[in-house]
N, C-alpha and C. Protein backbone atom coordinates (compact mmCIF):
# COMPACT_ATOMS: atom_id res chain seq x y z
N MET A 1 0.86 -1.20 0.00
CA MET A 1 0.00 0.00 0.00
C MET A 1 0.88 1.24 0.00
N ASP A 2 0.66 2.11 -0.98
CA ASP A 2 1.47 3.33 -1.04
C ASP A 2 0.90 4.39 -0.09
N SER A 3 1.62 5.49 0.00
CA SER A 3 1.25 6.53 0.96
C SER A 3 -0.09 7.17 0.63
N ALA A 4 -0.37 7.38 -0.67
CA ALA A 4 -1.64 8.02 -1.05
C ALA A 4 -2.83 7.14 -0.68
N THR A 5 -2.73 5.85 -0.93
CA THR A 5 -3.82 4.92 -0.58
C THR A 5 -4.00 4.84 0.92
N TYR A 6 -2.89 4.79 1.63
CA TYR A 6 -2.97 4.71 3.10
C TYR A 6 -3.61 5.97 3.67
N LEU A 7 -3.24 7.11 3.15
CA LEU A 7 -3.82 8.36 3.64
C LEU A 7 -5.33 8.41 3.39
N LYS A 8 -5.76 7.95 2.25
CA LYS A 8 -7.18 8.03 1.90
C LYS A 8 -8.02 6.98 2.60
N GLU A 9 -7.58 5.72 2.58
CA GLU A 9 -8.41 4.62 3.08
C GLU A 9 -8.24 4.36 4.57
N ARG A 10 -7.17 4.81 5.12
CA ARG A 10 -6.93 4.56 6.54
C ARG A 10 -7.00 5.83 7.37
N VAL A 11 -6.16 6.78 7.03
CA VAL A 11 -6.04 7.97 7.88
C VAL A 11 -7.28 8.85 7.76
N GLU A 12 -7.62 9.25 6.55
CA GLU A 12 -8.77 10.13 6.37
C GLU A 12 -10.08 9.45 6.80
N ASP A 13 -10.19 8.16 6.54
CA ASP A 13 -11.40 7.44 6.97
C ASP A 13 -11.56 7.47 8.48
N GLN A 14 -10.48 7.22 9.19
CA GLN A 14 -10.53 7.24 10.67
C GLN A 14 -10.76 8.65 11.19
N ILE A 15 -10.18 9.63 10.53
CA ILE A 15 -10.39 11.02 10.97
C ILE A 15 -11.86 11.42 10.81
N ASN A 16 -12.45 11.08 9.69
CA ASN A 16 -13.87 11.41 9.48
C ASN A 16 -14.78 10.69 10.47
N TRP A 17 -14.47 9.42 10.73
CA TRP A 17 -15.30 8.65 11.67
C TRP A 17 -15.20 9.23 13.08
N MET A 18 -14.01 9.51 13.53
CA MET A 18 -13.82 10.06 14.88
C MET A 18 -14.40 11.46 14.99
N GLU A 19 -14.37 12.19 13.90
CA GLU A 19 -14.99 13.52 13.91
C GLU A 19 -16.48 13.43 14.20
N GLY A 20 -17.15 12.49 13.52
CA GLY A 20 -18.58 12.31 13.75
C GLY A 20 -18.89 11.79 15.14
N LYS A 21 -18.12 10.82 15.61
CA LYS A 21 -18.37 10.27 16.95
C LYS A 21 -18.07 11.29 18.04
N SER A 22 -17.06 12.09 17.83
CA SER A 22 -16.74 13.12 18.82
C SER A 22 -17.87 14.14 18.94
N LYS A 23 -18.39 14.60 17.80
CA LYS A 23 -19.49 15.55 17.82
C LYS A 23 -20.75 14.93 18.43
N TRP A 24 -21.01 13.67 18.10
CA TRP A 24 -22.21 13.00 18.63
C TRP A 24 -22.17 12.91 20.14
N ASN A 25 -21.04 12.46 20.70
CA ASN A 25 -20.91 12.35 22.15
C ASN A 25 -20.89 13.72 22.83
N GLN A 26 -20.30 14.71 22.14
CA GLN A 26 -20.31 16.06 22.71
C GLN A 26 -21.73 16.60 22.80
N THR A 27 -22.51 16.39 21.74
CA THR A 27 -23.90 16.87 21.75
C THR A 27 -24.71 16.19 22.84
N ARG A 28 -24.57 14.89 22.96
CA ARG A 28 -25.32 14.16 23.99
C ARG A 28 -24.93 14.62 25.39
N TYR A 29 -23.65 14.79 25.61
CA TYR A 29 -23.18 15.19 26.93
C TYR A 29 -23.70 16.58 27.31
N LYS A 30 -23.57 17.53 26.39
CA LYS A 30 -24.00 18.90 26.71
C LYS A 30 -25.51 19.01 26.84
N THR A 31 -26.25 18.25 26.03
CA THR A 31 -27.72 18.29 26.13
C THR A 31 -28.19 17.77 27.47
N ILE A 32 -27.67 16.62 27.87
CA ILE A 32 -28.08 16.03 29.15
C ILE A 32 -27.63 16.91 30.32
N LYS A 33 -26.44 17.48 30.22
CA LYS A 33 -25.93 18.32 31.30
C LYS A 33 -26.79 19.57 31.46
N VAL A 34 -27.20 20.19 30.35
CA VAL A 34 -28.06 21.38 30.43
C VAL A 34 -29.41 21.02 31.04
N MET A 35 -29.96 19.86 30.67
CA MET A 35 -31.24 19.43 31.24
C MET A 35 -31.11 19.21 32.75
N GLU A 36 -29.99 18.65 33.18
CA GLU A 36 -29.76 18.46 34.61
C GLU A 36 -29.72 19.80 35.34
N ILE A 37 -29.00 20.76 34.76
CA ILE A 37 -28.87 22.07 35.41
C ILE A 37 -30.22 22.77 35.52
N VAL A 38 -31.00 22.73 34.45
CA VAL A 38 -32.31 23.39 34.46
C VAL A 38 -33.24 22.73 35.48
N ALA A 39 -33.27 21.41 35.50
CA ALA A 39 -34.14 20.70 36.44
C ALA A 39 -33.71 20.97 37.88
N ALA A 40 -32.41 20.96 38.13
CA ALA A 40 -31.92 21.22 39.49
C ALA A 40 -32.23 22.65 39.94
N ALA A 41 -32.22 23.61 39.00
CA ALA A 41 -32.53 25.00 39.35
C ALA A 41 -34.02 25.19 39.62
N LEU A 42 -34.88 24.42 38.94
CA LEU A 42 -36.32 24.57 39.12
C LEU A 42 -36.82 23.96 40.44
N VAL A 43 -36.10 22.98 40.95
CA VAL A 43 -36.56 22.32 42.18
C VAL A 43 -36.70 23.29 43.35
N PRO A 44 -35.66 24.05 43.72
CA PRO A 44 -35.85 24.99 44.84
C PRO A 44 -36.82 26.12 44.52
N LEU A 45 -36.89 26.52 43.24
CA LEU A 45 -37.81 27.59 42.88
C LEU A 45 -39.26 27.17 43.08
N LEU A 46 -39.61 26.00 42.57
CA LEU A 46 -40.99 25.53 42.69
C LEU A 46 -41.33 25.08 44.11
N SER A 47 -40.33 24.65 44.86
CA SER A 47 -40.58 24.21 46.24
C SER A 47 -41.10 25.35 47.10
N GLY A 48 -40.71 26.59 46.77
CA GLY A 48 -41.17 27.73 47.56
C GLY A 48 -42.63 28.07 47.37
N TYR A 49 -43.25 27.55 46.32
CA TYR A 49 -44.66 27.85 46.04
C TYR A 49 -45.59 26.66 46.33
N GLN A 50 -45.06 25.62 46.96
CA GLN A 50 -45.90 24.44 47.24
C GLN A 50 -47.02 24.74 48.21
N THR A 51 -46.79 25.72 49.09
CA THR A 51 -47.82 26.04 50.09
C THR A 51 -49.08 26.63 49.46
N THR A 52 -48.90 27.33 48.33
CA THR A 52 -50.05 27.94 47.66
C THR A 52 -50.57 27.10 46.51
N GLN A 53 -49.70 26.35 45.87
CA GLN A 53 -50.08 25.50 44.74
C GLN A 53 -49.67 24.06 45.06
N ALA A 54 -50.63 23.26 45.42
CA ALA A 54 -50.32 21.90 45.86
C ALA A 54 -49.75 21.04 44.75
N TYR A 55 -50.20 21.26 43.52
CA TYR A 55 -49.74 20.42 42.41
C TYR A 55 -48.25 20.60 42.11
N LEU A 56 -47.65 21.68 42.59
CA LEU A 56 -46.22 21.90 42.36
C LEU A 56 -45.38 20.84 43.07
N GLY A 57 -45.89 20.27 44.14
CA GLY A 57 -45.16 19.20 44.82
C GLY A 57 -44.95 18.01 43.91
N PHE A 58 -45.96 17.69 43.11
CA PHE A 58 -45.85 16.59 42.15
C PHE A 58 -44.81 16.91 41.09
N ILE A 59 -44.81 18.16 40.62
CA ILE A 59 -43.84 18.56 39.59
C ILE A 59 -42.41 18.50 40.15
N VAL A 60 -42.24 18.93 41.39
CA VAL A 60 -40.92 18.86 42.01
C VAL A 60 -40.43 17.41 42.10
N GLY A 61 -41.35 16.51 42.43
CA GLY A 61 -40.98 15.10 42.49
C GLY A 61 -40.56 14.56 41.13
N ILE A 62 -41.29 14.96 40.09
CA ILE A 62 -40.93 14.53 38.72
C ILE A 62 -39.56 15.06 38.33
N LEU A 63 -39.28 16.31 38.68
CA LEU A 63 -37.97 16.89 38.36
C LEU A 63 -36.85 16.15 39.09
N GLY A 64 -37.10 15.77 40.33
CA GLY A 64 -36.09 15.01 41.07
C GLY A 64 -35.79 13.67 40.42
N VAL A 65 -36.84 12.99 39.99
CA VAL A 65 -36.65 11.70 39.29
C VAL A 65 -35.90 11.91 37.98
N ALA A 66 -36.24 12.97 37.25
CA ALA A 66 -35.57 13.25 35.98
C ALA A 66 -34.08 13.52 36.17
N ILE A 67 -33.73 14.22 37.24
CA ILE A 67 -32.31 14.50 37.51
C ILE A 67 -31.55 13.21 37.75
N VAL A 68 -32.13 12.32 38.53
CA VAL A 68 -31.47 11.04 38.82
C VAL A 68 -31.28 10.23 37.54
N ILE A 69 -32.32 10.16 36.70
CA ILE A 69 -32.24 9.38 35.46
C ILE A 69 -31.20 9.97 34.51
N LEU A 70 -31.23 11.29 34.34
CA LEU A 70 -30.28 11.93 33.42
C LEU A 70 -28.84 11.75 33.89
N THR A 71 -28.61 11.91 35.18
CA THR A 71 -27.26 11.74 35.71
C THR A 71 -26.77 10.31 35.52
N SER A 72 -27.66 9.35 35.75
CA SER A 72 -27.28 7.94 35.59
C SER A 72 -26.95 7.61 34.14
N LEU A 73 -27.75 8.13 33.21
CA LEU A 73 -27.49 7.88 31.79
C LEU A 73 -26.17 8.52 31.34
N ARG A 74 -25.92 9.71 31.82
CA ARG A 74 -24.67 10.40 31.44
C ARG A 74 -23.46 9.64 31.94
N GLN A 75 -23.52 9.18 33.18
CA GLN A 75 -22.39 8.45 33.73
C GLN A 75 -22.26 7.06 33.13
N LEU A 76 -23.38 6.44 32.81
CA LEU A 76 -23.34 5.08 32.27
C LEU A 76 -22.77 5.05 30.86
N ASN A 77 -23.18 5.98 30.00
CA ASN A 77 -22.75 5.99 28.61
C ASN A 77 -21.43 6.72 28.37
N LYS A 78 -20.90 7.38 29.39
CA LYS A 78 -19.58 8.02 29.30
C LYS A 78 -19.48 8.97 28.10
N TYR A 79 -20.47 9.82 27.95
CA TYR A 79 -20.46 10.74 26.81
C TYR A 79 -19.26 11.68 26.85
N GLN A 80 -18.95 12.21 28.01
CA GLN A 80 -17.84 13.15 28.11
C GLN A 80 -16.51 12.46 27.84
N GLU A 81 -16.31 11.27 28.43
CA GLU A 81 -15.06 10.55 28.24
C GLU A 81 -14.85 10.17 26.77
N ASN A 82 -15.92 9.68 26.12
CA ASN A 82 -15.81 9.32 24.71
C ASN A 82 -15.52 10.54 23.83
N TRP A 83 -16.19 11.63 24.13
CA TRP A 83 -15.98 12.86 23.37
C TRP A 83 -14.52 13.30 23.44
N LEU A 84 -13.96 13.33 24.65
CA LEU A 84 -12.57 13.77 24.81
C LEU A 84 -11.58 12.78 24.21
N THR A 85 -11.88 11.48 24.32
CA THR A 85 -10.97 10.47 23.75
C THR A 85 -10.92 10.57 22.24
N TYR A 86 -12.09 10.65 21.61
CA TYR A 86 -12.12 10.76 20.15
C TYR A 86 -11.48 12.05 19.67
N ARG A 87 -11.76 13.13 20.38
CA ARG A 87 -11.21 14.42 19.96
C ARG A 87 -9.69 14.45 20.10
N THR A 88 -9.17 13.89 21.18
CA THR A 88 -7.72 13.87 21.38
C THR A 88 -7.02 13.06 20.30
N THR A 89 -7.55 11.86 20.02
CA THR A 89 -6.95 11.01 18.99
C THR A 89 -7.07 11.66 17.61
N LEU A 90 -8.22 12.27 17.37
CA LEU A 90 -8.44 12.93 16.09
C LEU A 90 -7.44 14.04 15.84
N GLU A 91 -7.22 14.89 16.81
CA GLU A 91 -6.29 16.01 16.64
C GLU A 91 -4.85 15.51 16.51
N SER A 92 -4.51 14.43 17.20
CA SER A 92 -3.16 13.87 17.06
C SER A 92 -2.93 13.32 15.67
N MET A 93 -3.94 12.66 15.11
CA MET A 93 -3.83 12.12 13.75
C MET A 93 -3.71 13.24 12.72
N LYS A 94 -4.47 14.28 12.91
CA LYS A 94 -4.37 15.42 12.00
C LYS A 94 -2.97 16.03 12.03
N LYS A 95 -2.42 16.13 13.23
CA LYS A 95 -1.07 16.69 13.36
C LYS A 95 -0.04 15.85 12.60
N GLU A 96 -0.12 14.52 12.78
CA GLU A 96 0.82 13.62 12.10
C GLU A 96 0.63 13.70 10.58
N LYS A 97 -0.59 13.80 10.14
CA LYS A 97 -0.85 13.89 8.71
C LYS A 97 -0.25 15.17 8.11
N PHE A 98 -0.43 16.28 8.81
CA PHE A 98 0.11 17.55 8.31
C PHE A 98 1.64 17.52 8.26
N LEU A 99 2.26 16.94 9.28
CA LEU A 99 3.72 16.85 9.31
C LEU A 99 4.23 15.96 8.17
N PHE A 100 3.52 14.88 7.91
CA PHE A 100 3.96 13.97 6.86
C PHE A 100 3.82 14.61 5.48
N GLU A 101 2.70 15.27 5.25
CA GLU A 101 2.47 15.90 3.94
C GLU A 101 3.44 17.06 3.71
N ALA A 102 3.84 17.74 4.79
CA ALA A 102 4.77 18.86 4.65
C ALA A 102 6.22 18.41 4.63
N GLY A 103 6.48 17.14 4.95
CA GLY A 103 7.87 16.66 4.98
C GLY A 103 8.65 17.22 6.14
N ALA A 104 7.95 17.55 7.21
CA ALA A 104 8.62 18.11 8.39
C ALA A 104 9.10 16.97 9.29
N PRO A 105 10.11 17.25 10.16
CA PRO A 105 10.58 16.20 11.07
C PRO A 105 9.43 15.69 11.94
N PRO A 106 9.40 14.40 12.20
CA PRO A 106 10.41 13.39 11.86
C PRO A 106 10.23 12.74 10.50
N TYR A 107 9.47 13.36 9.60
CA TYR A 107 9.17 12.76 8.30
C TYR A 107 9.95 13.47 7.18
N ASP A 108 11.23 13.68 7.41
CA ASP A 108 12.05 14.39 6.45
C ASP A 108 13.19 13.52 5.91
N ASP A 109 13.05 12.21 6.02
CA ASP A 109 14.07 11.31 5.51
C ASP A 109 13.44 10.22 4.66
N GLU A 110 14.24 9.25 4.27
CA GLU A 110 13.75 8.19 3.40
C GLU A 110 12.74 7.27 4.07
N SER A 111 12.82 7.13 5.35
CA SER A 111 11.89 6.26 6.09
C SER A 111 10.67 7.02 6.62
N ALA A 112 10.34 8.13 6.00
CA ALA A 112 9.24 8.98 6.49
C ALA A 112 7.91 8.23 6.46
N TYR A 113 7.64 7.49 5.38
CA TYR A 113 6.36 6.78 5.27
C TYR A 113 6.21 5.72 6.35
N GLN A 114 7.30 4.97 6.59
CA GLN A 114 7.24 3.93 7.62
C GLN A 114 7.02 4.53 9.01
N LYS A 115 7.69 5.64 9.29
CA LYS A 115 7.48 6.31 10.59
C LYS A 115 6.05 6.82 10.72
N PHE A 116 5.54 7.35 9.62
CA PHE A 116 4.17 7.88 9.64
C PHE A 116 3.16 6.77 9.93
N VAL A 117 3.33 5.65 9.25
CA VAL A 117 2.40 4.52 9.48
C VAL A 117 2.49 4.04 10.93
N MET A 118 3.71 3.90 11.44
CA MET A 118 3.87 3.43 12.83
C MET A 118 3.23 4.39 13.82
N ASN A 119 3.39 5.69 13.59
CA ASN A 119 2.81 6.68 14.52
C ASN A 119 1.28 6.68 14.45
N ILE A 120 0.74 6.58 13.25
CA ILE A 120 -0.72 6.56 13.11
C ILE A 120 -1.31 5.31 13.76
N GLU A 121 -0.72 4.16 13.51
CA GLU A 121 -1.23 2.92 14.09
C GLU A 121 -1.06 2.91 15.60
N SER A 122 0.00 3.54 16.08
CA SER A 122 0.19 3.64 17.53
C SER A 122 -0.91 4.49 18.17
N LEU A 123 -1.29 5.59 17.51
CA LEU A 123 -2.39 6.42 18.02
C LEU A 123 -3.71 5.66 18.03
N LEU A 124 -3.99 4.90 16.96
CA LEU A 124 -5.23 4.12 16.89
C LEU A 124 -5.25 3.03 17.95
N ALA A 125 -4.11 2.39 18.16
CA ALA A 125 -4.05 1.34 19.18
C ALA A 125 -4.26 1.94 20.58
N LYS A 126 -3.68 3.11 20.80
CA LYS A 126 -3.86 3.77 22.09
C LYS A 126 -5.32 4.15 22.32
N GLU A 127 -5.97 4.63 21.23
CA GLU A 127 -7.40 4.98 21.35
C GLU A 127 -8.24 3.75 21.67
N ASN A 128 -7.90 2.62 21.05
CA ASN A 128 -8.64 1.39 21.33
C ASN A 128 -8.46 0.94 22.77
N GLU A 129 -7.25 1.07 23.27
CA GLU A 129 -6.99 0.69 24.67
C GLU A 129 -7.75 1.60 25.63
N THR A 130 -7.77 2.89 25.30
CA THR A 130 -8.52 3.82 26.15
C THR A 130 -10.00 3.50 26.13
N TRP A 131 -10.53 3.20 24.94
CA TRP A 131 -11.95 2.85 24.82
C TRP A 131 -12.27 1.60 25.61
N LYS A 132 -11.41 0.60 25.55
CA LYS A 132 -11.63 -0.64 26.31
C LYS A 132 -11.60 -0.36 27.82
N ALA A 133 -10.68 0.50 28.23
CA ALA A 133 -10.58 0.83 29.66
C ALA A 133 -11.84 1.53 30.15
N VAL A 134 -12.36 2.44 29.32
CA VAL A 134 -13.58 3.17 29.70
C VAL A 134 -14.76 2.21 29.85
N TRP A 135 -14.92 1.32 28.88
CA TRP A 135 -16.06 0.41 28.93
C TRP A 135 -15.89 -0.70 29.95
N SER A 136 -14.65 -1.07 30.24
CA SER A 136 -14.43 -2.03 31.33
C SER A 136 -14.80 -1.41 32.66
N LYS A 137 -14.48 -0.14 32.82
CA LYS A 137 -14.87 0.57 34.05
C LYS A 137 -16.37 0.66 34.16
N LYS A 138 -17.04 0.87 33.02
CA LYS A 138 -18.50 0.93 33.02
C LYS A 138 -19.10 -0.40 33.46
N GLU A 139 -18.56 -1.51 32.95
CA GLU A 139 -19.07 -2.82 33.35
C GLU A 139 -18.85 -3.07 34.83
N ASP A 140 -17.71 -2.63 35.36
CA ASP A 140 -17.44 -2.80 36.78
C ASP A 140 -18.42 -1.99 37.62
N GLU A 141 -18.77 -0.79 37.14
CA GLU A 141 -19.73 0.04 37.87
C GLU A 141 -21.12 -0.61 37.86
N ILE A 142 -21.48 -1.23 36.74
CA ILE A 142 -22.78 -1.90 36.67
C ILE A 142 -22.81 -3.09 37.61
N LYS A 143 -21.72 -3.86 37.65
CA LYS A 143 -21.66 -5.02 38.54
C LYS A 143 -21.65 -4.60 40.01
N ALA A 144 -21.11 -3.40 40.27
CA ALA A 144 -21.02 -2.93 41.65
C ALA A 144 -22.33 -2.36 42.17
N LEU A 145 -23.34 -2.27 41.32
CA LEU A 145 -24.63 -1.77 41.78
C LEU A 145 -25.20 -2.70 42.83
N PRO A 146 -25.82 -2.16 43.90
CA PRO A 146 -26.35 -3.02 44.96
C PRO A 146 -27.45 -3.93 44.45
N ALA A 147 -27.37 -5.19 44.88
CA ALA A 147 -28.39 -6.16 44.48
C ALA A 147 -29.64 -5.94 45.29
N ALA A 148 -30.73 -6.50 44.81
CA ALA A 148 -32.00 -6.39 45.52
C ALA A 148 -31.89 -7.09 46.86
N PRO A 149 -32.42 -6.50 47.95
CA PRO A 149 -32.33 -7.13 49.26
C PRO A 149 -33.07 -8.45 49.28
N PRO A 150 -32.53 -9.45 50.02
CA PRO A 150 -33.19 -10.75 50.07
C PRO A 150 -34.53 -10.66 50.77
N ASP A 151 -35.41 -11.54 50.36
CA ASP A 151 -36.75 -11.58 50.94
C ASP A 151 -36.67 -12.25 52.30
N PRO A 152 -36.98 -11.53 53.40
CA PRO A 152 -36.89 -12.15 54.72
C PRO A 152 -37.81 -13.34 54.88
N GLU A 153 -38.92 -13.34 54.16
CA GLU A 153 -39.84 -14.46 54.27
C GLU A 153 -39.22 -15.72 53.69
N VAL A 154 -38.42 -15.55 52.60
CA VAL A 154 -37.77 -16.71 52.01
C VAL A 154 -36.69 -17.24 52.94
N GLU A 155 -35.92 -16.32 53.59
CA GLU A 155 -34.89 -16.77 54.51
C GLU A 155 -35.49 -17.49 55.71
N ASP A 156 -36.62 -17.01 56.24
CA ASP A 156 -37.24 -17.65 57.39
C ASP A 156 -37.71 -19.05 57.07
N ASN A 157 -38.04 -19.32 55.82
CA ASN A 157 -38.55 -20.63 55.44
C ASN A 157 -37.46 -21.50 54.82
N GLY A 158 -36.17 -21.16 55.07
CA GLY A 158 -35.10 -21.99 54.56
C GLY A 158 -34.95 -21.95 53.06
N GLY A 159 -35.26 -20.81 52.43
CA GLY A 159 -35.11 -20.68 51.00
C GLY A 159 -36.39 -20.88 50.24
N ALA A 160 -37.41 -21.40 50.87
CA ALA A 160 -38.69 -21.61 50.20
C ALA A 160 -39.57 -20.40 50.41
N ALA A 161 -40.28 -20.03 49.39
CA ALA A 161 -41.16 -18.86 49.48
C ALA A 161 -42.29 -19.14 50.46
N LYS A 162 -42.60 -18.14 51.23
CA LYS A 162 -43.64 -18.29 52.22
C LYS A 162 -45.01 -18.27 51.57
N ASP A 163 -45.87 -19.22 52.00
CA ASP A 163 -47.21 -19.29 51.45
C ASP A 163 -48.08 -18.31 52.19
N ASN A 164 -48.49 -17.24 51.47
CA ASN A 164 -49.29 -16.19 52.09
C ASN A 164 -50.78 -16.46 52.00
N THR A 165 -51.17 -17.67 51.61
CA THR A 165 -52.57 -17.98 51.48
C THR A 165 -53.23 -17.99 52.86
N VAL A 166 -54.29 -17.25 52.98
CA VAL A 166 -55.00 -17.15 54.25
C VAL A 166 -56.00 -18.29 54.33
N VAL A 167 -55.85 -19.10 55.37
CA VAL A 167 -56.76 -20.22 55.57
C VAL A 167 -57.86 -19.78 56.51
N GLU A 168 -59.08 -19.76 56.02
CA GLU A 168 -60.20 -19.33 56.84
C GLU A 168 -60.61 -20.47 57.76
N PRO A 169 -60.98 -20.18 59.01
CA PRO A 169 -61.40 -21.23 59.93
C PRO A 169 -62.69 -21.89 59.46
N ALA A 170 -62.71 -23.21 59.62
CA ALA A 170 -63.89 -23.97 59.18
C ALA A 170 -65.08 -23.64 60.07
N ALA A 171 -66.26 -23.64 59.48
CA ALA A 171 -67.47 -23.34 60.24
C ALA A 171 -67.74 -24.45 61.25
N ALA A 172 -68.23 -24.06 62.38
CA ALA A 172 -68.51 -25.04 63.44
C ALA A 172 -69.57 -26.02 62.99
N ASP A 173 -69.32 -27.31 63.27
CA ASP A 173 -70.25 -28.36 62.88
C ASP A 173 -71.28 -28.51 63.99
N ASN A 174 -72.46 -27.95 63.72
CA ASN A 174 -73.50 -28.00 64.74
C ASN A 174 -73.96 -29.42 65.02
N THR A 175 -73.87 -30.28 64.00
CA THR A 175 -74.31 -31.66 64.19
C THR A 175 -73.43 -32.38 65.18
N ASP A 176 -72.06 -32.16 64.99
CA ASP A 176 -71.14 -32.82 65.89
C ASP A 176 -71.29 -32.28 67.31
N ALA A 177 -71.48 -30.95 67.39
CA ALA A 177 -71.63 -30.38 68.73
C ALA A 177 -72.88 -30.91 69.40
N THR A 178 -73.94 -31.01 68.61
CA THR A 178 -75.19 -31.51 69.17
C THR A 178 -75.06 -32.98 69.55
N ALA A 179 -74.32 -33.71 68.70
CA ALA A 179 -74.15 -35.13 68.99
C ALA A 179 -73.30 -35.32 70.23
N GLY A 180 -72.38 -34.37 70.43
CA GLY A 180 -71.53 -34.50 71.60
C GLY A 180 -72.27 -34.28 72.89
N LYS A 181 -73.25 -33.40 72.84
CA LYS A 181 -73.97 -33.10 74.06
C LYS A 181 -74.74 -34.29 74.61
N PRO A 182 -75.48 -35.00 73.75
CA PRO A 182 -76.17 -36.18 74.29
C PRO A 182 -75.19 -37.17 74.87
N ALA A 183 -73.97 -37.24 74.22
CA ALA A 183 -72.99 -38.18 74.75
C ALA A 183 -72.59 -37.77 76.15
N ASP A 184 -72.36 -36.46 76.32
CA ASP A 184 -72.00 -36.01 77.68
C ASP A 184 -73.15 -36.22 78.65
N THR A 185 -74.38 -35.95 78.14
CA THR A 185 -75.55 -36.12 79.00
C THR A 185 -75.74 -37.57 79.38
N ALA A 186 -75.47 -38.42 78.40
CA ALA A 186 -75.62 -39.85 78.67
C ALA A 186 -74.62 -40.27 79.72
N GLY A 187 -73.39 -39.75 79.56
CA GLY A 187 -72.39 -40.10 80.56
C GLY A 187 -72.79 -39.61 81.92
N THR A 188 -73.36 -38.45 81.98
CA THR A 188 -73.80 -37.91 83.28
C THR A 188 -74.93 -38.76 83.83
N THR A 189 -75.81 -39.17 82.93
CA THR A 189 -76.95 -39.97 83.38
C THR A 189 -76.50 -41.30 83.95
N VAL A 190 -75.51 -41.88 83.28
CA VAL A 190 -75.01 -43.17 83.77
C VAL A 190 -74.39 -43.00 85.13
N THR A 191 -73.64 -41.90 85.25
CA THR A 191 -73.00 -41.64 86.55
C THR A 191 -74.02 -41.42 87.62
N ASP A 192 -75.06 -40.63 87.29
CA ASP A 192 -76.11 -40.37 88.27
C ASP A 192 -76.82 -41.64 88.63
N THR A 193 -77.08 -42.47 87.59
CA THR A 193 -77.79 -43.72 87.85
C THR A 193 -76.98 -44.62 88.74
N THR A 194 -75.68 -44.65 88.46
CA THR A 194 -74.81 -45.48 89.29
C THR A 194 -74.82 -45.01 90.72
N SER A 195 -74.78 -43.68 90.86
CA SER A 195 -74.81 -43.11 92.21
C SER A 195 -76.12 -43.44 92.89
N ALA A 196 -77.20 -43.33 92.07
CA ALA A 196 -78.51 -43.64 92.65
C ALA A 196 -78.60 -45.09 93.05
N ASP A 197 -78.03 -45.96 92.16
CA ASP A 197 -78.06 -47.38 92.48
C ASP A 197 -77.28 -47.66 93.73
N ALA A 198 -76.11 -46.98 93.81
CA ALA A 198 -75.30 -47.20 95.01
C ALA A 198 -76.02 -46.71 96.23
N THR A 199 -76.71 -45.61 96.11
CA THR A 199 -77.44 -45.07 97.26
C THR A 199 -78.58 -45.98 97.64
N ASP A 200 -79.28 -46.47 96.60
CA ASP A 200 -80.41 -47.36 96.87
C ASP A 200 -79.94 -48.64 97.53
N GLY A 201 -78.81 -49.12 97.05
CA GLY A 201 -78.30 -50.35 97.65
C GLY A 201 -77.94 -50.16 99.08
N THR A 202 -77.34 -49.06 99.38
CA THR A 202 -76.94 -48.76 100.77
C THR A 202 -78.15 -48.60 101.66
N GLY A 203 -79.13 -47.90 101.10
CA GLY A 203 -80.37 -47.69 101.85
C GLY A 203 -81.06 -49.00 102.15
N ALA A 204 -81.06 -49.89 101.17
CA ALA A 204 -81.72 -51.20 101.38
C ALA A 204 -80.99 -51.99 102.44
N THR A 205 -79.67 -51.95 102.43
CA THR A 205 -78.89 -52.68 103.42
C THR A 205 -79.15 -52.16 104.81
N ASP A 206 -79.19 -50.82 104.92
CA ASP A 206 -79.44 -50.23 106.24
C ASP A 206 -80.82 -50.62 106.74
N THR A 207 -81.80 -50.64 105.84
CA THR A 207 -83.17 -51.01 106.26
C THR A 207 -83.24 -52.45 106.73
N ALA A 208 -82.50 -53.31 105.96
CA ALA A 208 -82.50 -54.74 106.36
C ALA A 208 -81.87 -54.93 107.72
N ASP A 209 -80.78 -54.24 107.95
CA ASP A 209 -80.10 -54.36 109.25
C ASP A 209 -80.99 -53.87 110.39
N THR A 210 -81.71 -52.78 110.12
CA THR A 210 -82.59 -52.24 111.16
C THR A 210 -83.71 -53.21 111.49
N THR A 211 -84.23 -53.83 110.43
CA THR A 211 -85.33 -54.80 110.63
C THR A 211 -84.86 -55.99 111.45
N GLU A 212 -83.65 -56.49 111.13
CA GLU A 212 -83.12 -57.63 111.87
C GLU A 212 -82.89 -57.26 113.32
N ALA A 213 -82.39 -56.06 113.53
CA ALA A 213 -82.14 -55.63 114.93
C ALA A 213 -83.45 -55.54 115.71
N THR A 214 -84.52 -55.06 115.08
CA THR A 214 -85.82 -54.93 115.75
C THR A 214 -86.37 -56.30 116.10
N ASP A 215 -86.21 -57.27 115.14
CA ASP A 215 -86.69 -58.62 115.37
C ASP A 215 -85.97 -59.26 116.54
N GLU A 216 -84.66 -59.06 116.62
CA GLU A 216 -83.91 -59.64 117.72
C GLU A 216 -84.35 -59.05 119.05
N THR A 217 -84.63 -57.73 119.01
CA THR A 217 -85.06 -57.08 120.28
C THR A 217 -86.40 -57.64 120.75
N ASP A 218 -87.31 -57.83 119.79
CA ASP A 218 -88.62 -58.37 120.15
C ASP A 218 -88.49 -59.79 120.67
N THR A 219 -87.61 -60.59 120.12
CA THR A 219 -87.43 -61.97 120.57
C THR A 219 -86.90 -62.02 121.99
N SER A 220 -85.95 -61.12 122.23
CA SER A 220 -85.38 -61.07 123.59
C SER A 220 -86.41 -60.67 124.60
N ALA A 221 -87.27 -59.76 124.20
CA ALA A 221 -88.30 -59.29 125.13
C ALA A 221 -89.27 -60.41 125.43
N GLU A 222 -89.61 -61.21 124.44
CA GLU A 222 -90.54 -62.31 124.67
C GLU A 222 -89.93 -63.35 125.62
N LYS A 223 -88.63 -63.60 125.44
CA LYS A 223 -87.95 -64.54 126.33
C LYS A 223 -87.95 -64.03 127.76
N ASP A 224 -87.76 -62.78 127.94
CA ASP A 224 -87.74 -62.22 129.30
C ASP A 224 -89.09 -62.38 129.97
N LYS A 225 -90.15 -62.29 129.20
CA LYS A 225 -91.48 -62.44 129.76
C LYS A 225 -91.64 -63.86 130.20
């Protein structure tokens, strides 16, 4: 590949691509940053009128949520870092290109083309390493986000989800209750009957003994006569 082909297909192509990406990230960064500043400025302003206009409290809450979302998106996508990385690499490539085309040092000898290619590829490799570092940091930040807190109900049940089904108490069985009462009454009746039988038996024994004692007394009296 000669110098003209390399300049057109490699150098100029990369310069144009980085130019577009740099502007894109710059626009995104500045747009989101301006929105953050405006929302943050409106929060204290509207908060002072909440006493007279109740609906302003809702608007203040929306602005607070918007600030958090915008800040998170800006930090997650690294718009500022990408903008500066592309712009730095782009300007360095332009400098090397101008020096090479002008034949200025270090491109003023026979090995100028080889030095130019090595310097351009070194800049591109450095940009790739920087890009990888930025996105690796982004992945680490995502992994470092706090996980959802464990469900205490699951922990209490040894890892099994707790069954929140409410079991309603069964209606009282009037038949069983009614059936139970005669059983208790029957038992009481048997006990009473037994007691009555025992009492009757005792009473009969006492009467028999009294009768025998009276008969003996009468016999003795007759003998005495």
